[in-house]
Amino acid sequence: MPDLGKYAFEVLSSYGATLLLLAGLLALTLRRGRAARAALKKIEAEIKQDG
């Protein structure tokens, strides 16, 4: 690990915050993707029933 000197806390906390934000965005993307697939499946089922 490089010597960060007196700014070690700031640099490491910035890395930590960035990782948390990326994890949150990934979770949100996966959740919205699942919801979109479920909605599409529902629409396709309705079309098959009507057709």
PDB file of N, CA and C in Angstrom:
ATOM      1  N   MET A   1       0.852  -1.175   0.000  1.00  0.00           N
ATOM      2  CA  MET A   1       0.000   0.000   0.000  1.00  0.00           C
ATOM      3  C   MET A   1       0.896   1.235   0.000  1.00  0.00           C
ATOM      4  N   PRO A   2       0.587   2.188  -0.857  1.00  0.00           N
ATOM      5  CA  PRO A   2       1.412   3.400  -0.897  1.00  0.00           C
ATOM      6  C   PRO A   2       1.257   4.237   0.374  1.00  0.00           C
ATOM      7  N   ASP A   3       2.281   4.984   0.677  1.00  0.00           N
ATOM      8  CA  ASP A   3       2.242   5.873   1.834  1.00  0.00           C
ATOM      9  C   ASP A   3       1.425   7.101   1.456  1.00  0.00           C
ATOM     10  N   LEU A   4       0.281   7.277   2.105  1.00  0.00           N
ATOM     11  CA  LEU A   4      -0.615   8.382   1.772  1.00  0.00           C
ATOM     12  C   LEU A   4      -0.399   9.600   2.670  1.00  0.00           C
ATOM     13  N   GLY A   5       0.445   9.446   3.662  1.00  0.00           N
ATOM     14  CA  GLY A   5       0.766  10.572   4.528  1.00  0.00           C
ATOM     15  C   GLY A   5      -0.423  11.040   5.338  1.00  0.00           C
ATOM     16  N   LYS A   6      -0.502  12.328   5.505  1.00  0.00           N
ATOM     17  CA  LYS A   6      -1.557  12.882   6.362  1.00  0.00           C
ATOM     18  C   LYS A   6      -2.937  12.854   5.718  1.00  0.00           C
ATOM     19  N   TYR A   7      -3.013  12.512   4.442  1.00  0.00           N
ATOM     20  CA  TYR A   7      -4.302  12.464   3.756  1.00  0.00           C
ATOM     21  C   TYR A   7      -4.839  11.037   3.626  1.00  0.00           C
ATOM     22  N   ALA A   8      -4.269  10.117   4.358  1.00  0.00           N
ATOM     23  CA  ALA A   8      -4.670   8.713   4.249  1.00  0.00           C
ATOM     24  C   ALA A   8      -6.162   8.540   4.535  1.00  0.00           C
ATOM     25  N   PHE A   9      -6.662   9.144   5.593  1.00  0.00           N
ATOM     26  CA  PHE A   9      -8.081   8.980   5.937  1.00  0.00           C
ATOM     27  C   PHE A   9      -8.976   9.498   4.825  1.00  0.00           C
ATOM     28  N   GLU A  10      -8.671  10.655   4.291  1.00  0.00           N
ATOM     29  CA  GLU A  10      -9.499  11.252   3.236  1.00  0.00           C
ATOM     30  C   GLU A  10      -9.500  10.391   1.973  1.00  0.00           C
ATOM     31  N   VAL A  11      -8.321   9.915   1.596  1.00  0.00           N
ATOM     32  CA  VAL A  11      -8.217   9.104   0.378  1.00  0.00           C
ATOM     33  C   VAL A  11      -8.947   7.782   0.561  1.00  0.00           C
ATOM     34  N   LEU A  12      -8.703   7.104   1.676  1.00  0.00           N
ATOM     35  CA  LEU A  12      -9.329   5.805   1.900  1.00  0.00           C
ATOM     36  C   LEU A  12     -10.836   5.934   2.085  1.00  0.00           C
ATOM     37  N   SER A  13     -11.299   6.997   2.732  1.00  0.00           N
ATOM     38  CA  SER A  13     -12.743   7.180   2.877  1.00  0.00           C
ATOM     39  C   SER A  13     -13.390   7.503   1.521  1.00  0.00           C
ATOM     40  N   SER A  14     -12.673   8.185   0.655  1.00  0.00           N
ATOM     41  CA  SER A  14     -13.186   8.448  -0.693  1.00  0.00           C
ATOM     42  C   SER A  14     -13.313   7.152  -1.487  1.00  0.00           C
ATOM     43  N   TYR A  15     -12.314   6.289  -1.372  1.00  0.00           N
ATOM     44  CA  TYR A  15     -12.400   4.979  -2.022  1.00  0.00           C
ATOM     45  C   TYR A  15     -13.579   4.187  -1.462  1.00  0.00           C
ATOM     46  N   GLY A  16     -13.743   4.205  -0.159  1.00  0.00           N
ATOM     47  CA  GLY A  16     -14.849   3.482   0.461  1.00  0.00           C
ATOM     48  C   GLY A  16     -16.199   4.004   0.007  1.00  0.00           C
ATOM     49  N   ALA A  17     -16.346   5.315  -0.034  1.00  0.00           N
ATOM     50  CA  ALA A  17     -17.606   5.911  -0.479  1.00  0.00           C
ATOM     51  C   ALA A  17     -17.892   5.553  -1.936  1.00  0.00           C
ATOM     52  N   THR A  18     -16.863   5.572  -2.753  1.00  0.00           N
ATOM     53  CA  THR A  18     -17.024   5.217  -4.162  1.00  0.00           C
ATOM     54  C   THR A  18     -17.473   3.773  -4.306  1.00  0.00           C
ATOM     55  N   LEU A  19     -16.858   2.871  -3.563  1.00  0.00           N
ATOM     56  CA  LEU A  19     -17.253   1.464  -3.626  1.00  0.00           C
ATOM     57  C   LEU A  19     -18.688   1.264  -3.159  1.00  0.00           C
ATOM     58  N   LEU A  20     -19.096   1.975  -2.126  1.00  0.00           N
ATOM     59  CA  LEU A  20     -20.479   1.884  -1.659  1.00  0.00           C
ATOM     60  C   LEU A  20     -21.465   2.385  -2.714  1.00  0.00           C
ATOM     61  N   LEU A  21     -21.136   3.490  -3.345  1.00  0.00           N
ATOM     62  CA  LEU A  21     -22.011   4.025  -4.390  1.00  0.00           C
ATOM     63  C   LEU A  21     -22.104   3.082  -5.582  1.00  0.00           C
ATOM     64  N   LEU A  22     -20.986   2.502  -5.982  1.00  0.00           N
ATOM     65  CA  LEU A  22     -21.004   1.552  -7.096  1.00  0.00           C
ATOM     66  C   LEU A  22     -21.822   0.317  -6.746  1.00  0.00           C
ATOM     67  N   ALA A  23     -21.694  -0.180  -5.525  1.00  0.00           N
ATOM     68  CA  ALA A  23     -22.482  -1.336  -5.092  1.00  0.00           C
ATOM     69  C   ALA A  23     -23.968  -0.983  -5.088  1.00  0.00           C
ATOM     70  N   GLY A  24     -24.310   0.213  -4.638  1.00  0.00           N
ATOM     71  CA  GLY A  24     -25.698   0.646  -4.646  1.00  0.00           C
ATOM     72  C   GLY A  24     -26.267   0.758  -6.048  1.00  0.00           C
ATOM     73  N   LEU A  25     -25.486   1.305  -6.956  1.00  0.00           N
ATOM     74  CA  LEU A  25     -25.938   1.414  -8.347  1.00  0.00           C
ATOM     75  C   LEU A  25     -26.110   0.042  -8.980  1.00  0.00           C
ATOM     76  N   LEU A  26     -25.219  -0.877  -8.679  1.00  0.00           N
ATOM     77  CA  LEU A  26     -25.332  -2.234  -9.198  1.00  0.00           C
ATOM     78  C   LEU A  26     -26.602  -2.901  -8.675  1.00  0.00           C
ATOM     79  N   ALA A  27     -26.861  -2.776  -7.384  1.00  0.00           N
ATOM     80  CA  ALA A  27     -28.057  -3.367  -6.790  1.00  0.00           C
ATOM     81  C   ALA A  27     -29.321  -2.763  -7.401  1.00  0.00           C
ATOM     82  N   LEU A  28     -29.334  -1.454  -7.566  1.00  0.00           N
ATOM     83  CA  LEU A  28     -30.487  -0.783  -8.162  1.00  0.00           C
ATOM     84  C   LEU A  28     -30.713  -1.248  -9.602  1.00  0.00           C
ATOM     85  N   THR A  29     -29.647  -1.371 -10.360  1.00  0.00           N
ATOM     86  CA  THR A  29     -29.746  -1.811 -11.747  1.00  0.00           C
ATOM     87  C   THR A  29     -30.288  -3.230 -11.828  1.00  0.00           C
ATOM     88  N   LEU A  30     -29.783  -4.120 -10.981  1.00  0.00           N
ATOM     89  CA  LEU A  30     -30.261  -5.495 -10.998  1.00  0.00           C
ATOM     90  C   LEU A  30     -31.726  -5.580 -10.593  1.00  0.00           C
ATOM     91  N   ARG A  31     -32.129  -4.800  -9.588  1.00  0.00           N
ATOM     92  CA  ARG A  31     -33.522  -4.811  -9.136  1.00  0.00           C
ATOM     93  C   ARG A  31     -34.455  -4.276 -10.219  1.00  0.00           C
ATOM     94  N   ARG A  32     -34.062  -3.197 -10.866  1.00  0.00           N
ATOM     95  CA  ARG A  32     -34.906  -2.636 -11.926  1.00  0.00           C
ATOM     96  C   ARG A  32     -34.967  -3.563 -13.135  1.00  0.00           C
ATOM     97  N   GLY A  33     -33.867  -4.271 -13.403  1.00  0.00           N
ATOM     98  CA  GLY A  33     -33.862  -5.238 -14.493  1.00  0.00           C
ATOM     99  C   GLY A  33     -34.823  -6.375 -14.232  1.00  0.00           C
ATOM    100  N   ARG A  34     -34.838  -6.881 -12.984  1.00  0.00           N
ATOM    101  CA  ARG A  34     -35.776  -7.938 -12.624  1.00  0.00           C
ATOM    102  C   ARG A  34     -37.218  -7.452 -12.755  1.00  0.00           C
ATOM    103  N   ALA A  35     -37.475  -6.229 -12.335  1.00  0.00           N
ATOM    104  CA  ALA A  35     -38.826  -5.674 -12.428  1.00  0.00           C
ATOM    105  C   ALA A  35     -39.246  -5.514 -13.890  1.00  0.00           C
ATOM    106  N   ALA A  36     -38.336  -5.090 -14.735  1.00  0.00           N
ATOM    107  CA  ALA A  36     -38.655  -4.917 -16.154  1.00  0.00           C
ATOM    108  C   ALA A  36     -38.937  -6.267 -16.814  1.00  0.00           C
ATOM    109  N   ARG A  37     -38.145  -7.292 -16.466  1.00  0.00           N
ATOM    110  CA  ARG A  37     -38.392  -8.619 -17.022  1.00  0.00           C
ATOM    111  C   ARG A  37     -39.744  -9.168 -16.557  1.00  0.00           C
ATOM    112  N   ALA A  38     -40.086  -8.926 -15.301  1.00  0.00           N
ATOM    113  CA  ALA A  38     -41.377  -9.391 -14.786  1.00  0.00           C
ATOM    114  C   ALA A  38     -42.527  -8.677 -15.492  1.00  0.00           C
ATOM    115  N   ALA A  39     -42.391  -7.383 -15.703  1.00  0.00           N
ATOM    116  CA  ALA A  39     -43.438  -6.633 -16.397  1.00  0.00           C
ATOM    117  C   ALA A  39     -43.582  -7.108 -17.833  1.00  0.00           C
ATOM    118  N   LEU A  40     -42.466  -7.374 -18.488  1.00  0.00           N
ATOM    119  CA  LEU A  40     -42.516  -7.858 -19.869  1.00  0.00           C
ATOM    120  C   LEU A  40     -43.173  -9.232 -19.927  1.00  0.00           C
ATOM    121  N   LYS A  41     -42.840 -10.087 -18.981  1.00  0.00           N
ATOM    122  CA  LYS A  41     -43.444 -11.419 -18.951  1.00  0.00           C
ATOM    123  C   LYS A  41     -44.955 -11.313 -18.752  1.00  0.00           C
ATOM    124  N   LYS A  42     -45.386 -10.381 -17.901  1.00  0.00           N
ATOM    125  CA  LYS A  42     -46.814 -10.182 -17.656  1.00  0.00           C
ATOM    126  C   LYS A  42     -47.518  -9.692 -18.923  1.00  0.00           C
ATOM    127  N   ILE A  43     -46.911  -8.759 -19.617  1.00  0.00           N
ATOM    128  CA  ILE A  43     -47.497  -8.226 -20.851  1.00  0.00           C
ATOM    129  C   ILE A  43     -47.581  -9.314 -21.916  1.00  0.00           C
ATOM    130  N   GLU A  44     -46.500 -10.121 -22.024  1.00  0.00           N
ATOM    131  CA  GLU A  44     -46.512 -11.199 -23.006  1.00  0.00           C
ATOM    132  C   GLU A  44     -47.596 -12.224 -22.684  1.00  0.00           C
ATOM    133  N   ALA A  45     -47.818 -12.514 -21.410  1.00  0.00           N
ATOM    134  CA  ALA A  45     -48.867 -13.451 -21.019  1.00  0.00           C
ATOM    135  C   ALA A  45     -50.240 -12.899 -21.364  1.00  0.00           C
ATOM    136  N   GLU A  46     -50.455 -11.603 -21.166  1.00  0.00           N
ATOM    137  CA  GLU A  46     -51.728 -10.982 -21.499  1.00  0.00           C
ATOM    138  C   GLU A  46     -51.978 -11.011 -23.010  1.00  0.00           C
ATOM    139  N   ILE A  47     -50.936 -10.817 -23.789  1.00  0.00           N
ATOM    140  CA  ILE A  47     -51.076 -10.832 -25.244  1.00  0.00           C
ATOM    141  C   ILE A  47     -51.428 -12.250 -25.709  1.00  0.00           C
ATOM    142  N   LYS A  48     -50.799 -13.257 -25.124  1.00  0.00           N
ATOM    143  CA  LYS A  48     -51.091 -14.639 -25.517  1.00  0.00           C
ATOM    144  C   LYS A  48     -52.518 -15.015 -25.170  1.00  0.00           C
ATOM    145  N   GLN A  49     -53.048 -14.502 -24.049  1.00  0.00           N
ATOM    146  CA  GLN A  49     -54.417 -14.802 -23.669  1.00  0.00           C
ATOM    147  C   GLN A  49     -55.414 -14.150 -24.616  1.00  0.00           C
ATOM    148  N   ASP A  50     -55.105 -12.938 -25.045  1.00  0.00           N
ATOM    149  CA  ASP A  50     -56.016 -12.192 -25.926  1.00  0.00           C
ATOM    150  C   ASP A  50     -55.932 -12.703 -27.365  1.00  0.00           C
ATOM    151  N   GLY A  51     -54.768 -13.195 -27.742  1.00  0.00           N
ATOM    152  CA  GLY A  51     -54.534 -13.585 -29.131  1.00  0.00           C
ATOM    153  C   GLY A  51     -54.921 -14.972 -29.373  1.00  0.00           C
TER     154      GLY A  51
END
